Protein backbone atom coordinates (compact mmCIF):
# COMPACT_ATOMS: atom_id res chain seq x y z
CA MET A 1 23.22 87.41 -35.99
CA ASP A 2 21.24 90.29 -37.50
CA TRP A 3 24.44 92.14 -38.31
CA ILE A 4 25.54 89.25 -40.50
CA ILE A 5 22.28 89.36 -42.46
CA ALA A 6 22.44 93.15 -42.73
CA ALA A 7 26.02 93.01 -43.94
CA ALA A 8 25.14 90.38 -46.51
CA GLN A 9 22.22 92.48 -47.85
CA GLN A 10 24.28 95.63 -48.13
CA THR A 11 24.99 96.69 -51.67
CA SER A 12 28.56 96.84 -52.69
CA THR A 13 30.01 100.31 -52.22
CA SER A 14 33.47 101.64 -52.05
CA THR A 15 33.40 101.31 -48.24
CA SER A 16 32.28 97.64 -48.35
CA PRO A 17 34.88 95.13 -49.51
CA VAL A 18 33.87 92.78 -52.32
CA TRP A 19 35.03 89.70 -50.40
CA LEU A 20 32.67 90.32 -47.43
CA ALA A 21 29.57 88.71 -48.98
CA PRO A 22 31.32 85.45 -49.93
CA LEU A 23 33.01 85.35 -46.52
CA LEU A 24 29.69 85.72 -44.72
CA GLY A 25 28.17 83.07 -46.97
CA GLY A 26 31.04 80.73 -46.16
CA VAL A 27 30.67 81.36 -42.43
CA GLY A 28 26.93 80.68 -42.69
CA ALA A 29 27.54 77.45 -44.56
CA LEU A 30 30.14 76.38 -42.00
CA VAL A 31 27.84 77.11 -39.05
CA GLY A 32 24.87 75.42 -40.75
CA GLY A 33 26.91 72.37 -41.72
CA SER A 34 28.33 72.05 -38.21
CA LEU A 35 24.88 72.23 -36.64
CA THR A 36 23.51 69.68 -39.07
CA SER A 37 26.41 67.29 -38.42
CA THR A 38 26.06 67.68 -34.65
CA VAL A 39 22.32 66.97 -34.76
CA ALA A 40 22.82 63.97 -37.06
CA TRP A 41 25.55 62.55 -34.77
CA ARG A 42 23.30 63.02 -31.73
CA VAL A 43 20.37 61.27 -33.41
CA LEU A 44 22.59 58.34 -34.45
CA SER A 45 24.03 58.11 -30.94
CA ASP A 46 20.56 58.10 -29.37
CA THR A 47 19.38 55.48 -31.86
CA LYS A 48 22.34 53.24 -31.03
CA LYS A 49 21.72 53.58 -27.29
CA ALA A 50 18.02 52.82 -27.75
CA ARG A 51 18.87 49.71 -29.79
CA GLN A 52 21.33 48.57 -27.09
CA ARG A 53 18.71 49.09 -24.37
CA ALA A 54 16.15 47.14 -26.40
CA GLU A 55 18.60 44.25 -26.92
CA GLU A 56 19.46 44.17 -23.23
CA LYS A 57 15.79 44.26 -22.25
CA GLU A 58 15.06 41.35 -24.58
CA ALA A 59 18.02 39.41 -23.14
CA THR A 60 16.75 40.12 -19.63
CA GLU A 61 13.31 38.77 -20.56
CA ILE A 62 14.79 35.58 -22.04
CA ILE A 63 16.99 34.93 -19.00
CA THR A 64 14.27 35.79 -16.49
CA SER A 65 11.78 33.49 -18.19
CA ALA A 66 14.26 30.59 -18.18
CA LEU A 67 15.20 31.24 -14.54
CA LEU A 68 11.55 31.19 -13.50
CA ASP A 69 11.08 27.89 -15.35
CA VAL A 70 14.09 26.39 -13.59
CA ARG A 71 12.89 27.70 -10.23
CA GLN A 72 9.77 25.61 -10.63
CA ILE A 73 11.95 22.51 -10.94
CA TYR A 74 13.35 23.10 -7.48
CA ARG A 75 9.99 23.65 -5.84
CA ASN A 76 8.34 20.78 -3.99
CA THR A 77 5.17 21.16 -6.04
CA ASP A 78 7.05 20.31 -9.25
CA VAL A 79 8.14 16.82 -8.24
CA GLY A 80 7.41 15.15 -11.57
CA SER A 81 9.67 17.21 -13.82
CA GLY A 82 13.31 16.58 -14.57
CA PRO A 83 15.51 13.67 -13.57
CA ALA A 84 15.09 12.12 -10.16
CA PRO A 85 16.87 14.14 -7.44
CA GLY A 86 19.50 11.45 -6.86
CA GLU A 87 20.46 11.17 -10.54
CA PHE A 88 23.12 13.90 -10.53
CA GLU A 89 24.68 12.92 -13.85
CA TYR A 90 21.48 13.76 -15.77
CA TRP A 91 20.81 17.18 -14.22
CA PRO A 92 23.40 19.27 -16.12
CA ASP A 93 22.05 18.14 -19.50
CA TYR A 94 18.49 18.72 -18.37
CA LEU A 95 19.28 22.19 -17.05
CA LEU A 96 21.34 23.04 -20.12
CA SER A 97 18.28 22.32 -22.24
CA LYS A 98 16.25 24.71 -20.05
CA LEU A 99 18.88 27.47 -19.90
CA ASP A 100 20.55 27.21 -23.34
CA LYS A 101 19.03 30.43 -24.73
CA SER A 102 19.90 32.24 -21.52
CA GLU A 103 23.59 31.53 -21.89
CA ALA A 104 23.55 33.07 -25.37
CA ALA A 105 21.41 36.02 -24.23
CA VAL A 106 23.97 36.95 -21.56
CA MET A 107 26.38 37.98 -24.32
CA ARG A 108 24.06 40.84 -25.32
CA PHE A 109 24.83 42.80 -22.15
CA HIS A 110 27.41 45.55 -22.56
CA SER A 111 28.41 45.49 -18.89
CA GLU A 112 31.21 43.01 -18.33
CA ALA A 113 30.45 42.84 -14.61
CA LEU A 114 26.83 41.87 -15.34
CA ARG A 115 27.87 39.24 -17.90
CA THR A 116 30.33 37.73 -15.42
CA ARG A 117 27.85 37.58 -12.52
CA VAL A 118 24.92 36.19 -14.51
CA THR A 119 27.15 33.64 -16.26
CA ALA A 120 28.52 32.52 -12.89
CA SER A 121 25.00 32.16 -11.51
CA LEU A 122 23.90 30.14 -14.55
CA ASP A 123 26.98 27.92 -14.14
CA LEU A 124 26.07 27.38 -10.49
CA LEU A 125 22.56 26.38 -11.49
CA ILE A 126 23.69 24.04 -14.24
CA TRP A 127 26.86 22.53 -12.79
CA GLY A 128 27.17 23.48 -9.14
CA ALA A 129 23.76 22.64 -7.76
CA HIS A 130 24.27 18.97 -8.57
CA ASP A 131 27.99 18.62 -7.99
CA SER A 132 28.48 16.39 -4.96
CA GLN A 133 32.05 17.64 -4.36
CA LEU A 134 30.91 21.27 -4.39
CA LEU A 135 28.01 20.50 -2.09
CA TYR A 136 30.33 18.70 0.30
CA GLU A 137 32.97 21.47 0.28
CA THR A 138 30.44 24.26 0.85
CA ARG A 139 28.42 22.17 3.32
CA THR A 140 25.16 23.05 1.66
CA SER A 141 22.33 21.41 -0.25
CA ALA A 142 21.61 21.41 -3.97
CA ARG A 143 18.46 23.39 -3.34
CA ALA A 144 20.38 26.05 -1.36
CA VAL A 145 23.00 26.47 -4.10
CA ALA A 146 20.28 26.68 -6.74
CA TYR A 147 18.37 29.21 -4.65
CA GLU A 148 21.44 31.44 -4.21
CA ALA A 149 22.30 31.24 -7.91
CA HIS A 150 18.73 32.04 -8.93
CA ARG A 151 18.41 34.88 -6.41
CA ASP A 152 21.71 36.43 -7.45
CA ALA A 153 20.94 36.31 -11.17
CA MET A 154 17.49 37.85 -10.65
CA ALA A 155 18.90 40.57 -8.35
CA CYS A 156 21.60 41.46 -10.88
CA LEU A 157 19.14 41.61 -13.77
CA GLY A 158 16.74 43.75 -11.76
CA ALA A 159 19.47 46.17 -10.72
CA HIS A 160 20.61 46.45 -14.33
CA LEU A 161 17.10 47.24 -15.55
CA ARG A 162 16.74 49.94 -12.90
CA GLY A 163 20.15 51.40 -13.76
CA GLU A 164 21.59 50.59 -10.34
CA GLN A 165 24.92 49.04 -9.41
CA LEU A 166 25.05 45.28 -9.11
CA PRO A 167 24.16 44.10 -5.61
CA GLU A 168 26.77 42.56 -3.35
CA ALA A 169 26.86 38.78 -3.67
CA THR A 170 25.93 36.78 -0.59
CA LYS A 171 28.55 34.74 1.27
CA ALA A 172 26.84 31.48 0.28
CA TRP A 173 26.93 32.50 -3.41
CA LYS A 174 30.58 33.55 -3.19
CA ASP A 175 31.53 30.29 -1.47
CA ALA A 176 29.73 28.12 -4.01
CA GLU A 177 31.01 30.13 -6.99
CA GLY A 178 34.57 30.08 -5.65
CA GLN A 179 34.43 26.33 -5.13
CA LEU A 180 33.06 25.82 -8.65
CA ARG A 181 35.90 27.92 -10.12
CA TRP A 182 38.43 25.96 -8.04
CA GLN A 183 37.07 22.66 -9.31
CA ALA A 184 37.18 23.94 -12.90
CA GLU A 185 40.81 24.95 -12.37
CA LEU A 186 41.65 21.51 -10.97
CA GLU A 187 40.02 19.86 -13.99
CA ARG A 188 41.93 22.17 -16.36
CA ARG A 189 45.22 21.31 -14.64
CA ALA A 190 44.45 17.59 -14.78
CA GLU A 191 43.79 17.82 -18.52
CA GLU A 192 47.06 19.68 -19.08
CA GLY A 193 48.92 17.09 -17.03
CA GLU A 194 50.24 19.43 -14.36
């Protein structure tokens, strides 16, 4: 780099071409501009990634808070809240009111696999845990389905925060989620008149 500066400071003589100084100035401007552009691009990229991480962290907090609230509903100590356990038709609306912000917050995640898993777990909590057909087909209780959905969503969110891969879903979760998807498909076909 010193030779460039020395060449630029050299007075014009018959051995030094006249075009050398402008050429060196142009090369310096090109190198300086490239470095400036690279640094600016890197700063913008880091800022975008930081904003994405902040949005995902906020979404995780919203969903986790709602899941912890819903978990209290299923605990024996929280008998007085929500519709009576036998009133299945009122539970989805009640749970939707508790988890409404969570469903919107899921869309902030950039990982499609995470969005799919957490959405499926929320659907199991809202619709599956009080669906008598699903409970019959999977031979499980509403509390067990709710527990698996809650556990899976929390495990996925935790893995995402730690930068790990999503954990493998349990057999009970897969069975309940598969049955819920099957029932949704049957309802869709019935509406289309198949």
